[in-house]
Amino acid sequence: MANVSQVKAQFATDVTATATTTIAALQTLGGAGNMTLAAAAATFGGTGSSQKVSLTSGGNISAVTFTITGTDSKGNAQSEDLTGPNATTVFSTKFYNTVTQIAADAAVGTNTSAGVLGGAGDLVSIIFGGRTRIRGMHGVLAGAGNLTFRDGSSTGTALLTLSASAGDLDPYIPDDGVLFPNGAYLTADQGDITGLTVFYDG
């Protein structure tokens, strides 16, 4: 990648605080079928951000497989299979901006709900999925915390970390930017970001 490229912007807002019924209220299914989703299933991930989805049940429904379908923080379609909980809460592996369907492959006899995980490090925003440089950013933070930009995935090597206080954010970034060979992914705590614009080569 040449040092000078076309600069693009990615905007991200906060995700939803942890709750067990954000996406679907407690419900049962008489057979294989789809859970009834709440209106928040289309909005919980904010703008340009994403978080994990949870399934909660008071009984043992571990014999049921749930297929979660939705989008990531860039609007790309994605899905995964999640084994039902055994009187507990289980979480998706992927991070979702929206959920469009949760399908069970068998009857769900115990009240089960779908929610979100929103805590420390639970906000993920895909800045760019390929080789890129972060050129700058500005925004407003609701709380003090770290903004961590990782290489290649939400669990990749941290190549840029900013520790910031609540208020306006306008950090210095070196003139050549910060190179992310495999893509740039932002991770942050739920509740920290009001709105953040990141400038990157795209």
N, C-alpha and C. Protein backbone atom coordinates (compact mmCIF):
# COMPACT_ATOMS: atom_id res chain seq x y z
N MET A 1 0.84 -1.19 0.00
CA MET A 1 0.00 0.00 0.00
C MET A 1 0.87 1.24 0.00
N ALA A 2 0.66 2.14 -0.94
CA ALA A 2 1.37 3.42 -0.94
C ALA A 2 0.94 4.22 0.28
N ASN A 3 1.83 5.14 0.69
CA ASN A 3 1.51 5.93 1.87
C ASN A 3 0.29 6.82 1.66
N VAL A 4 0.10 7.33 0.44
CA VAL A 4 -1.03 8.20 0.16
C VAL A 4 -2.10 7.41 -0.58
N SER A 5 -3.29 7.38 -0.07
CA SER A 5 -4.38 6.63 -0.67
C SER A 5 -5.65 7.45 -0.50
N GLN A 6 -6.77 6.89 -0.93
CA GLN A 6 -8.04 7.57 -0.73
C GLN A 6 -8.48 7.39 0.72
N VAL A 7 -8.71 8.51 1.39
CA VAL A 7 -9.10 8.47 2.79
C VAL A 7 -10.61 8.36 2.89
N LYS A 8 -11.07 7.42 3.70
CA LYS A 8 -12.50 7.23 3.95
C LYS A 8 -12.76 7.39 5.45
N ALA A 9 -14.04 7.44 5.79
CA ALA A 9 -14.42 7.65 7.19
C ALA A 9 -15.39 6.56 7.64
N GLN A 10 -15.19 6.08 8.86
CA GLN A 10 -16.10 5.13 9.49
C GLN A 10 -16.65 5.76 10.76
N PHE A 11 -17.98 5.83 10.87
CA PHE A 11 -18.63 6.42 12.05
C PHE A 11 -19.17 5.31 12.93
N ALA A 12 -18.96 5.43 14.23
CA ALA A 12 -19.44 4.42 15.17
C ALA A 12 -20.08 5.09 16.37
N THR A 13 -21.17 4.50 16.85
CA THR A 13 -21.81 4.95 18.08
C THR A 13 -21.83 3.80 19.08
N ASP A 14 -22.40 4.05 20.24
CA ASP A 14 -22.42 3.06 21.31
C ASP A 14 -23.35 1.90 20.99
N VAL A 15 -23.12 0.78 21.67
CA VAL A 15 -24.02 -0.36 21.60
C VAL A 15 -24.89 -0.38 22.86
N THR A 16 -25.71 -1.41 23.01
CA THR A 16 -26.69 -1.50 24.09
C THR A 16 -26.10 -2.19 25.32
N ALA A 17 -26.46 -1.72 26.50
CA ALA A 17 -26.00 -2.34 27.74
C ALA A 17 -26.53 -3.77 27.86
N THR A 18 -25.80 -4.59 28.59
CA THR A 18 -26.18 -5.99 28.77
C THR A 18 -27.61 -6.13 29.26
N ALA A 19 -28.37 -6.97 28.58
CA ALA A 19 -29.74 -7.29 28.95
C ALA A 19 -30.11 -8.60 28.29
N THR A 20 -31.00 -9.36 28.91
CA THR A 20 -31.31 -10.69 28.39
C THR A 20 -32.51 -10.73 27.45
N THR A 21 -33.24 -9.61 27.32
CA THR A 21 -34.46 -9.62 26.50
C THR A 21 -34.46 -8.54 25.42
N THR A 22 -33.32 -7.96 25.12
CA THR A 22 -33.25 -6.88 24.13
C THR A 22 -33.75 -7.32 22.77
N ILE A 23 -33.38 -8.52 22.34
CA ILE A 23 -33.68 -8.98 20.98
C ILE A 23 -34.97 -9.79 20.92
N ALA A 24 -35.25 -10.57 21.95
CA ALA A 24 -36.48 -11.38 21.97
C ALA A 24 -36.90 -11.62 23.41
N ALA A 25 -38.16 -11.36 23.72
CA ALA A 25 -38.70 -11.58 25.06
C ALA A 25 -38.80 -13.08 25.35
N LEU A 26 -39.00 -13.42 26.62
CA LEU A 26 -39.19 -14.82 27.00
C LEU A 26 -40.32 -15.45 26.20
N GLN A 27 -40.05 -16.64 25.65
CA GLN A 27 -41.04 -17.32 24.81
C GLN A 27 -40.70 -18.79 24.68
N THR A 28 -41.69 -19.56 24.26
CA THR A 28 -41.50 -20.98 23.95
C THR A 28 -41.88 -21.22 22.50
N LEU A 29 -41.46 -22.37 21.98
CA LEU A 29 -41.82 -22.78 20.62
C LEU A 29 -42.34 -24.21 20.67
N GLY A 30 -43.49 -24.45 20.02
CA GLY A 30 -44.07 -25.78 20.01
C GLY A 30 -43.34 -26.76 19.12
N GLY A 31 -42.50 -26.26 18.25
CA GLY A 31 -41.70 -27.09 17.34
C GLY A 31 -40.61 -26.23 16.74
N ALA A 32 -39.90 -26.79 15.79
CA ALA A 32 -38.86 -26.01 15.12
C ALA A 32 -39.48 -24.74 14.52
N GLY A 33 -38.79 -23.63 14.65
CA GLY A 33 -39.33 -22.38 14.14
C GLY A 33 -38.49 -21.19 14.56
N ASN A 34 -39.01 -20.01 14.29
CA ASN A 34 -38.29 -18.78 14.57
C ASN A 34 -38.81 -18.10 15.83
N MET A 35 -37.91 -17.55 16.61
CA MET A 35 -38.31 -16.75 17.75
C MET A 35 -38.93 -15.44 17.26
N THR A 36 -39.86 -14.91 18.02
CA THR A 36 -40.44 -13.60 17.71
C THR A 36 -39.50 -12.52 18.22
N LEU A 37 -39.03 -11.69 17.30
CA LEU A 37 -38.03 -10.69 17.65
C LEU A 37 -38.66 -9.37 18.06
N ALA A 38 -37.98 -8.66 18.95
CA ALA A 38 -38.39 -7.31 19.35
C ALA A 38 -37.93 -6.30 18.32
N ALA A 39 -38.51 -5.11 18.36
CA ALA A 39 -38.12 -4.06 17.42
C ALA A 39 -36.64 -3.72 17.56
N ALA A 40 -36.10 -3.84 18.78
CA ALA A 40 -34.70 -3.49 19.03
C ALA A 40 -33.72 -4.43 18.34
N ALA A 41 -34.20 -5.53 17.78
CA ALA A 41 -33.31 -6.45 17.05
C ALA A 41 -32.67 -5.76 15.86
N ALA A 42 -33.30 -4.69 15.38
CA ALA A 42 -32.78 -3.97 14.22
C ALA A 42 -31.96 -2.75 14.59
N THR A 43 -31.85 -2.44 15.90
CA THR A 43 -31.21 -1.18 16.30
C THR A 43 -30.19 -1.32 17.43
N PHE A 44 -30.09 -2.48 18.07
CA PHE A 44 -29.30 -2.59 19.30
C PHE A 44 -27.82 -2.28 19.09
N GLY A 45 -27.29 -2.53 17.88
CA GLY A 45 -25.87 -2.35 17.63
C GLY A 45 -25.46 -0.93 17.30
N GLY A 46 -26.38 0.02 17.39
CA GLY A 46 -26.04 1.40 17.08
C GLY A 46 -25.69 1.59 15.62
N THR A 47 -24.84 2.56 15.33
CA THR A 47 -24.37 2.83 13.97
C THR A 47 -22.91 2.43 13.86
N GLY A 48 -22.61 1.52 12.94
CA GLY A 48 -21.23 1.14 12.69
C GLY A 48 -20.57 0.35 13.80
N SER A 49 -21.36 -0.21 14.71
CA SER A 49 -20.81 -0.99 15.82
C SER A 49 -21.52 -2.33 15.92
N SER A 50 -21.05 -3.20 16.81
CA SER A 50 -21.65 -4.52 16.96
C SER A 50 -21.31 -5.08 18.33
N GLN A 51 -22.06 -6.12 18.73
CA GLN A 51 -21.84 -6.77 20.02
C GLN A 51 -22.36 -8.20 19.95
N LYS A 52 -22.01 -8.99 20.97
CA LYS A 52 -22.43 -10.39 21.00
C LYS A 52 -23.90 -10.51 21.40
N VAL A 53 -24.52 -11.59 20.93
CA VAL A 53 -25.92 -11.92 21.22
C VAL A 53 -25.96 -13.02 22.28
N SER A 54 -26.95 -12.96 23.17
CA SER A 54 -27.08 -13.96 24.22
C SER A 54 -28.40 -14.71 24.10
N LEU A 55 -28.41 -15.94 24.60
CA LEU A 55 -29.63 -16.73 24.78
C LEU A 55 -29.71 -17.12 26.24
N THR A 56 -30.87 -16.91 26.88
CA THR A 56 -31.04 -17.20 28.30
C THR A 56 -32.27 -18.06 28.50
N SER A 57 -32.13 -19.11 29.32
CA SER A 57 -33.26 -19.97 29.64
C SER A 57 -33.13 -20.50 31.06
N GLY A 58 -34.27 -20.67 31.72
CA GLY A 58 -34.27 -21.23 33.06
C GLY A 58 -34.23 -22.74 33.07
N GLY A 59 -34.35 -23.38 31.90
CA GLY A 59 -34.32 -24.83 31.80
C GLY A 59 -33.18 -25.31 30.92
N ASN A 60 -33.14 -26.62 30.74
CA ASN A 60 -32.10 -27.22 29.91
C ASN A 60 -32.61 -27.39 28.48
N ILE A 61 -32.16 -26.53 27.59
CA ILE A 61 -32.53 -26.64 26.17
C ILE A 61 -31.27 -26.83 25.33
N SER A 62 -30.27 -27.50 25.92
CA SER A 62 -29.00 -27.69 25.24
C SER A 62 -29.10 -28.65 24.05
N ALA A 63 -30.22 -29.36 23.93
CA ALA A 63 -30.42 -30.24 22.77
C ALA A 63 -30.90 -29.47 21.55
N VAL A 64 -31.23 -28.20 21.74
CA VAL A 64 -31.73 -27.36 20.65
C VAL A 64 -30.60 -26.51 20.10
N THR A 65 -30.50 -26.46 18.77
CA THR A 65 -29.53 -25.57 18.12
C THR A 65 -30.26 -24.36 17.56
N PHE A 66 -29.76 -23.19 17.90
CA PHE A 66 -30.34 -21.94 17.41
C PHE A 66 -29.41 -21.36 16.34
N THR A 67 -29.98 -21.01 15.20
CA THR A 67 -29.21 -20.35 14.14
C THR A 67 -29.52 -18.86 14.18
N ILE A 68 -28.50 -18.08 14.49
CA ILE A 68 -28.63 -16.62 14.55
C ILE A 68 -28.21 -16.04 13.21
N THR A 69 -29.07 -15.20 12.63
CA THR A 69 -28.78 -14.56 11.35
C THR A 69 -28.90 -13.05 11.52
N GLY A 70 -27.96 -12.32 10.95
CA GLY A 70 -28.00 -10.86 11.06
C GLY A 70 -26.90 -10.23 10.25
N THR A 71 -26.41 -9.07 10.71
CA THR A 71 -25.36 -8.35 10.01
C THR A 71 -24.27 -7.93 10.99
N ASP A 72 -23.06 -7.73 10.43
CA ASP A 72 -21.97 -7.20 11.24
C ASP A 72 -21.97 -5.68 11.19
N SER A 73 -20.95 -5.04 11.74
CA SER A 73 -20.96 -3.58 11.84
C SER A 73 -20.81 -2.88 10.50
N LYS A 74 -20.41 -3.62 9.47
CA LYS A 74 -20.31 -3.05 8.12
C LYS A 74 -21.55 -3.36 7.28
N GLY A 75 -22.53 -4.05 7.87
CA GLY A 75 -23.75 -4.40 7.15
C GLY A 75 -23.66 -5.69 6.37
N ASN A 76 -22.56 -6.44 6.54
CA ASN A 76 -22.41 -7.72 5.84
C ASN A 76 -23.23 -8.80 6.53
N ALA A 77 -23.91 -9.63 5.73
CA ALA A 77 -24.71 -10.71 6.29
C ALA A 77 -23.81 -11.76 6.94
N GLN A 78 -24.29 -12.32 8.06
CA GLN A 78 -23.55 -13.37 8.73
C GLN A 78 -24.52 -14.21 9.55
N SER A 79 -24.09 -15.42 9.90
CA SER A 79 -24.92 -16.29 10.73
C SER A 79 -24.02 -17.27 11.46
N GLU A 80 -24.57 -17.88 12.50
CA GLU A 80 -23.84 -18.91 13.24
C GLU A 80 -24.84 -19.76 14.01
N ASP A 81 -24.41 -20.98 14.35
CA ASP A 81 -25.21 -21.88 15.16
C ASP A 81 -24.75 -21.79 16.61
N LEU A 82 -25.73 -21.74 17.52
CA LEU A 82 -25.44 -21.63 18.94
C LEU A 82 -26.25 -22.67 19.70
N THR A 83 -25.57 -23.50 20.48
CA THR A 83 -26.24 -24.51 21.29
C THR A 83 -27.02 -23.84 22.41
N GLY A 84 -28.26 -24.28 22.61
CA GLY A 84 -29.10 -23.69 23.63
C GLY A 84 -28.52 -23.82 25.03
N PRO A 85 -28.88 -22.91 25.94
CA PRO A 85 -28.33 -22.93 27.29
C PRO A 85 -28.94 -24.02 28.17
N ASN A 86 -28.25 -24.33 29.24
CA ASN A 86 -28.74 -25.26 30.26
C ASN A 86 -28.92 -24.48 31.55
N ALA A 87 -30.09 -23.86 31.70
CA ALA A 87 -30.43 -23.05 32.87
C ALA A 87 -29.38 -21.96 33.12
N THR A 88 -28.95 -21.33 32.04
CA THR A 88 -27.93 -20.29 32.14
C THR A 88 -28.04 -19.37 30.93
N THR A 89 -26.97 -18.63 30.65
CA THR A 89 -26.90 -17.76 29.48
C THR A 89 -25.71 -18.15 28.64
N VAL A 90 -25.90 -18.24 27.32
CA VAL A 90 -24.80 -18.52 26.40
C VAL A 90 -24.69 -17.35 25.42
N PHE A 91 -23.50 -17.20 24.84
CA PHE A 91 -23.23 -16.05 23.99
C PHE A 91 -22.73 -16.47 22.61
N SER A 92 -23.06 -15.66 21.62
CA SER A 92 -22.57 -15.90 20.27
C SER A 92 -21.06 -15.71 20.21
N THR A 93 -20.46 -16.28 19.18
CA THR A 93 -19.04 -16.04 18.91
C THR A 93 -18.86 -14.76 18.12
N LYS A 94 -19.78 -14.52 17.19
CA LYS A 94 -19.69 -13.35 16.32
C LYS A 94 -20.34 -12.13 16.97
N PHE A 95 -19.99 -10.97 16.43
CA PHE A 95 -20.54 -9.70 16.90
C PHE A 95 -21.55 -9.19 15.87
N TYR A 96 -22.72 -8.74 16.35
CA TYR A 96 -23.83 -8.37 15.46
C TYR A 96 -24.22 -6.91 15.64
N ASN A 97 -24.53 -6.28 14.51
CA ASN A 97 -25.14 -4.95 14.51
C ASN A 97 -26.65 -5.08 14.50
N THR A 98 -27.16 -6.06 13.77
CA THR A 98 -28.59 -6.37 13.75
C THR A 98 -28.78 -7.88 13.77
N VAL A 99 -29.95 -8.30 14.22
CA VAL A 99 -30.37 -9.71 14.12
C VAL A 99 -31.69 -9.74 13.37
N THR A 100 -31.74 -10.52 12.32
CA THR A 100 -32.95 -10.62 11.50
C THR A 100 -33.72 -11.92 11.74
N GLN A 101 -33.06 -12.92 12.33
CA GLN A 101 -33.75 -14.19 12.59
C GLN A 101 -32.98 -15.01 13.61
N ILE A 102 -33.72 -15.65 14.51
CA ILE A 102 -33.16 -16.67 15.39
C ILE A 102 -34.05 -17.90 15.24
N ALA A 103 -33.51 -18.93 14.61
CA ALA A 103 -34.29 -20.13 14.27
C ALA A 103 -33.86 -21.29 15.14
N ALA A 104 -34.83 -21.97 15.77
CA ALA A 104 -34.56 -23.16 16.57
C ALA A 104 -34.85 -24.40 15.74
N ASP A 105 -34.03 -25.44 15.89
CA ASP A 105 -34.22 -26.64 15.08
C ASP A 105 -35.14 -27.66 15.74
N ALA A 106 -35.69 -27.31 16.91
CA ALA A 106 -36.60 -28.20 17.62
C ALA A 106 -37.45 -27.36 18.57
N ALA A 107 -38.41 -28.02 19.22
CA ALA A 107 -39.28 -27.32 20.16
C ALA A 107 -38.47 -26.74 21.32
N VAL A 108 -38.93 -25.59 21.82
CA VAL A 108 -38.31 -24.95 22.99
C VAL A 108 -39.37 -24.92 24.08
N GLY A 109 -39.27 -25.84 25.04
CA GLY A 109 -40.32 -26.01 26.02
C GLY A 109 -40.23 -25.10 27.22
N THR A 110 -39.09 -24.48 27.43
CA THR A 110 -38.88 -23.58 28.56
C THR A 110 -38.70 -22.16 28.06
N ASN A 111 -39.32 -21.20 28.75
CA ASN A 111 -39.18 -19.81 28.34
C ASN A 111 -37.72 -19.43 28.10
N THR A 112 -37.48 -18.89 26.91
CA THR A 112 -36.12 -18.53 26.49
C THR A 112 -36.16 -17.15 25.86
N SER A 113 -35.12 -16.36 26.13
CA SER A 113 -35.05 -15.01 25.58
C SER A 113 -33.71 -14.80 24.88
N ALA A 114 -33.65 -13.73 24.09
CA ALA A 114 -32.41 -13.36 23.40
C ALA A 114 -32.06 -11.93 23.76
N GLY A 115 -30.81 -11.72 24.13
CA GLY A 115 -30.36 -10.39 24.53
C GLY A 115 -29.00 -10.06 23.96
N VAL A 116 -28.29 -9.17 24.65
CA VAL A 116 -26.99 -8.71 24.17
C VAL A 116 -26.00 -8.64 25.32
N LEU A 117 -24.72 -8.71 24.97
CA LEU A 117 -23.64 -8.54 25.93
C LEU A 117 -23.02 -7.17 25.71
N GLY A 118 -23.08 -6.31 26.72
CA GLY A 118 -22.54 -4.96 26.59
C GLY A 118 -21.79 -4.55 27.83
N GLY A 119 -20.50 -4.73 27.83
CA GLY A 119 -19.69 -4.39 28.98
C GLY A 119 -18.30 -4.01 28.55
N ALA A 120 -17.30 -4.40 29.32
CA ALA A 120 -15.92 -4.05 29.02
C ALA A 120 -15.44 -4.76 27.75
N GLY A 121 -15.03 -3.99 26.76
CA GLY A 121 -14.51 -4.54 25.52
C GLY A 121 -15.53 -5.17 24.62
N ASP A 122 -16.82 -4.94 24.88
CA ASP A 122 -17.87 -5.64 24.14
C ASP A 122 -18.38 -4.90 22.92
N LEU A 123 -17.85 -3.69 22.66
CA LEU A 123 -18.18 -2.98 21.42
C LEU A 123 -17.10 -3.27 20.40
N VAL A 124 -17.52 -3.70 19.20
CA VAL A 124 -16.58 -3.94 18.10
C VAL A 124 -17.05 -3.20 16.86
N SER A 125 -16.14 -2.45 16.24
CA SER A 125 -16.44 -1.78 14.98
C SER A 125 -15.36 -2.14 13.97
N ILE A 126 -15.80 -2.67 12.82
CA ILE A 126 -14.85 -2.98 11.75
C ILE A 126 -14.55 -1.68 11.01
N ILE A 127 -13.34 -1.17 11.15
CA ILE A 127 -12.96 0.05 10.44
C ILE A 127 -12.74 -0.27 8.97
N PHE A 128 -11.94 -1.30 8.69
CA PHE A 128 -11.70 -1.75 7.31
C PHE A 128 -11.20 -3.18 7.38
N GLY A 129 -11.72 -4.05 6.51
CA GLY A 129 -11.40 -5.46 6.58
C GLY A 129 -10.10 -5.87 5.93
N GLY A 130 -9.45 -4.97 5.20
CA GLY A 130 -8.19 -5.28 4.54
C GLY A 130 -7.08 -4.36 5.00
N ARG A 131 -5.92 -4.52 4.38
CA ARG A 131 -4.75 -3.71 4.72
C ARG A 131 -5.10 -2.22 4.65
N THR A 132 -4.75 -1.48 5.69
CA THR A 132 -5.14 -0.08 5.76
C THR A 132 -4.24 0.68 6.72
N ARG A 133 -4.37 1.99 6.68
CA ARG A 133 -3.72 2.85 7.67
C ARG A 133 -4.80 3.72 8.33
N ILE A 134 -4.75 3.82 9.64
CA ILE A 134 -5.61 4.78 10.33
C ILE A 134 -4.91 6.13 10.29
N ARG A 135 -5.65 7.14 9.76
CA ARG A 135 -5.06 8.46 9.53
C ARG A 135 -5.41 9.48 10.62
N GLY A 136 -6.51 9.25 11.30
CA GLY A 136 -6.92 10.20 12.32
C GLY A 136 -8.31 9.86 12.82
N MET A 137 -8.79 10.62 13.78
CA MET A 137 -10.13 10.40 14.31
C MET A 137 -10.55 11.59 15.14
N HIS A 138 -11.84 11.75 15.28
CA HIS A 138 -12.37 12.69 16.27
C HIS A 138 -13.74 12.22 16.69
N GLY A 139 -14.14 12.64 17.87
CA GLY A 139 -15.43 12.20 18.37
C GLY A 139 -15.71 12.74 19.75
N VAL A 140 -16.76 12.19 20.35
CA VAL A 140 -17.17 12.56 21.70
C VAL A 140 -17.31 11.27 22.51
N LEU A 141 -16.70 11.25 23.68
CA LEU A 141 -16.79 10.09 24.57
C LEU A 141 -17.70 10.41 25.74
N ALA A 142 -18.52 9.43 26.11
CA ALA A 142 -19.42 9.59 27.25
C ALA A 142 -18.73 9.23 28.56
N GLY A 143 -17.67 8.43 28.47
CA GLY A 143 -16.97 8.00 29.67
C GLY A 143 -15.51 7.78 29.38
N ALA A 144 -14.71 7.73 30.43
CA ALA A 144 -13.27 7.49 30.28
C ALA A 144 -13.02 6.02 29.98
N GLY A 145 -12.06 5.75 29.11
CA GLY A 145 -11.73 4.37 28.79
C GLY A 145 -10.72 4.28 27.67
N ASN A 146 -10.42 3.06 27.27
CA ASN A 146 -9.47 2.81 26.20
C ASN A 146 -10.18 2.51 24.89
N LEU A 147 -9.69 3.10 23.82
CA LEU A 147 -10.09 2.73 22.47
C LEU A 147 -8.92 1.93 21.89
N THR A 148 -9.16 0.67 21.57
CA THR A 148 -8.09 -0.21 21.11
C THR A 148 -8.35 -0.61 19.67
N PHE A 149 -7.37 -0.39 18.81
CA PHE A 149 -7.47 -0.76 17.40
C PHE A 149 -6.58 -1.97 17.17
N ARG A 150 -7.20 -3.04 16.68
CA ARG A 150 -6.52 -4.33 16.56
C ARG A 150 -6.35 -4.74 15.10
N ASP A 151 -5.33 -5.56 14.87
CA ASP A 151 -5.01 -5.99 13.52
C ASP A 151 -5.71 -7.29 13.17
N GLY A 152 -6.53 -7.27 12.12
CA GLY A 152 -7.07 -8.50 11.54
C GLY A 152 -8.36 -9.02 12.12
N SER A 153 -8.65 -8.74 13.39
CA SER A 153 -9.88 -9.21 14.02
C SER A 153 -10.05 -8.50 15.35
N SER A 154 -11.19 -8.75 15.99
CA SER A 154 -11.46 -8.11 17.28
C SER A 154 -10.59 -8.65 18.40
N THR A 155 -9.88 -9.75 18.14
CA THR A 155 -8.97 -10.32 19.14
C THR A 155 -7.52 -10.26 18.67
N GLY A 156 -7.26 -9.56 17.56
CA GLY A 156 -5.92 -9.47 17.01
C GLY A 156 -5.00 -8.60 17.85
N THR A 157 -3.76 -8.50 17.40
CA THR A 157 -2.76 -7.70 18.10
C THR A 157 -3.17 -6.24 18.15
N ALA A 158 -3.08 -5.64 19.33
CA ALA A 158 -3.39 -4.23 19.49
C ALA A 158 -2.23 -3.40 18.95
N LEU A 159 -2.49 -2.61 17.90
CA LEU A 159 -1.46 -1.78 17.29
C LEU A 159 -1.60 -0.31 17.65
N LEU A 160 -2.75 0.08 18.16
CA LEU A 160 -2.98 1.47 18.57
C LEU A 160 -3.99 1.48 19.71
N THR A 161 -3.61 2.02 20.85
CA THR A 161 -4.52 2.15 21.99
C THR A 161 -4.51 3.59 22.47
N LEU A 162 -5.69 4.15 22.62
CA LEU A 162 -5.85 5.51 23.11
C LEU A 162 -6.59 5.47 24.44
N SER A 163 -6.02 6.08 25.46
CA SER A 163 -6.68 6.21 26.75
C SER A 163 -7.23 7.62 26.84
N ALA A 164 -8.54 7.73 26.94
CA ALA A 164 -9.17 9.05 26.84
C ALA A 164 -10.18 9.26 27.96
N SER A 165 -10.45 10.52 28.24
CA SER A 165 -11.45 10.91 29.22
C SER A 165 -12.75 11.29 28.53
N ALA A 166 -13.82 11.40 29.29
CA ALA A 166 -15.09 11.83 28.73
C ALA A 166 -14.94 13.22 28.13
N GLY A 167 -15.61 13.44 27.01
CA GLY A 167 -15.53 14.73 26.33
C GLY A 167 -15.05 14.57 24.91
N ASP A 168 -14.56 15.66 24.33
CA ASP A 168 -14.11 15.64 22.94
C ASP A 168 -12.82 14.84 22.80
N LEU A 169 -12.71 14.13 21.67
CA LEU A 169 -11.52 13.34 21.36
C LEU A 169 -10.97 13.79 20.01
N ASP A 170 -9.71 14.20 20.00
CA ASP A 170 -9.05 14.62 18.76
C ASP A 170 -7.56 14.33 18.89
N PRO A 171 -7.18 13.04 18.88
CA PRO A 171 -5.79 12.66 19.18
C PRO A 171 -4.83 12.94 18.03
N TYR A 172 -3.56 13.03 18.37
CA TYR A 172 -2.52 13.14 17.35
C TYR A 172 -2.24 11.75 16.77
N ILE A 173 -2.24 11.66 15.44
CA ILE A 173 -1.84 10.45 14.73
C ILE A 173 -0.66 10.83 13.84
N PRO A 174 0.43 10.06 13.82
CA PRO A 174 1.58 10.39 12.98
C PRO A 174 1.18 10.64 11.53
N ASP A 175 1.97 11.48 10.84
CA ASP A 175 1.64 11.88 9.48
C ASP A 175 1.43 10.69 8.54
N ASP A 176 2.21 9.63 8.72
CA ASP A 176 2.09 8.46 7.86
C ASP A 176 0.97 7.52 8.30
N GLY A 177 0.28 7.84 9.37
CA GLY A 177 -0.78 6.98 9.86
C GLY A 177 -0.21 5.77 10.58
N VAL A 178 -1.10 4.90 11.04
CA VAL A 178 -0.71 3.65 11.69
C VAL A 178 -1.15 2.51 10.80
N LEU A 179 -0.20 1.67 10.39
CA LEU A 179 -0.47 0.59 9.44
C LEU A 179 -1.08 -0.62 10.13
N PHE A 180 -2.16 -1.14 9.53
CA PHE A 180 -2.80 -2.38 9.95
C PHE A 180 -2.74 -3.34 8.77
N PRO A 181 -1.79 -4.28 8.75
CA PRO A 181 -1.59 -5.13 7.58
C PRO A 181 -2.79 -6.00 7.22
N ASN A 182 -3.60 -6.38 8.21
CA ASN A 182 -4.67 -7.34 7.97
C ASN A 182 -6.07 -6.79 8.24
N GLY A 183 -6.18 -5.48 8.40
CA GLY A 183 -7.47 -4.88 8.69
C GLY A 183 -7.48 -4.25 10.07
N ALA A 184 -8.30 -3.22 10.25
CA ALA A 184 -8.36 -2.49 11.52
C ALA A 184 -9.72 -2.70 12.18
N TYR A 185 -9.69 -3.14 13.43
CA TYR A 185 -10.90 -3.41 14.21
C TYR A 185 -10.82 -2.65 15.53
N LEU A 186 -11.85 -1.87 15.81
CA LEU A 186 -11.93 -1.12 17.06
C LEU A 186 -12.66 -1.93 18.12
N THR A 187 -12.08 -2.00 19.32
CA THR A 187 -12.79 -2.55 20.47
C THR A 187 -12.83 -1.49 21.57
N ALA A 188 -13.96 -1.42 22.26
CA ALA A 188 -14.14 -0.43 23.32
C ALA A 188 -15.19 -0.93 24.29
N ASP A 189 -15.29 -0.27 25.43
CA ASP A 189 -16.30 -0.62 26.43
C ASP A 189 -17.65 -0.03 26.04
N GLN A 190 -18.71 -0.78 26.30
CA GLN A 190 -20.05 -0.23 26.14
C GLN A 190 -20.19 0.95 27.11
N GLY A 191 -20.78 2.03 26.62
CA GLY A 191 -20.99 3.21 27.44
C GLY A 191 -19.95 4.29 27.29
N ASP A 192 -18.85 3.99 26.60
CA ASP A 192 -17.77 4.98 26.47
C ASP A 192 -17.94 5.92 25.29
N ILE A 193 -18.46 5.42 24.17
CA ILE A 193 -18.49 6.21 22.93
C ILE A 193 -19.87 6.82 22.71
N THR A 194 -19.91 8.14 22.54
CA THR A 194 -21.13 8.78 22.07
C THR A 194 -21.15 8.75 20.54
N GLY A 195 -20.09 9.20 19.93
CA GLY A 195 -19.93 9.13 18.48
C GLY A 195 -18.47 9.29 18.13
N LEU A 196 -17.98 8.46 17.21
CA LEU A 196 -16.56 8.48 16.85
C LEU A 196 -16.42 8.30 15.34
N THR A 197 -15.67 9.20 14.70
CA THR A 197 -15.35 9.08 13.29
C THR A 197 -13.87 8.76 13.14
N VAL A 198 -13.58 7.66 12.45
CA VAL A 198 -12.21 7.22 12.22
C VAL A 198 -11.89 7.37 10.74
N PHE A 199 -10.77 8.00 10.42
CA PHE A 199 -10.34 8.19 9.04
C PHE A 199 -9.29 7.14 8.71
N TYR A 200 -9.46 6.49 7.56
CA TYR A 200 -8.58 5.37 7.20
C TYR A 200 -8.40 5.32 5.69
N ASP A 201 -7.36 4.63 5.23
CA ASP A 201 -7.17 4.39 3.81
C ASP A 201 -8.10 3.28 3.36
N GLY A 202 -8.86 3.54 2.28
CA GLY A 202 -9.79 2.52 1.82
C GLY A 202 -9.90 2.49 0.32
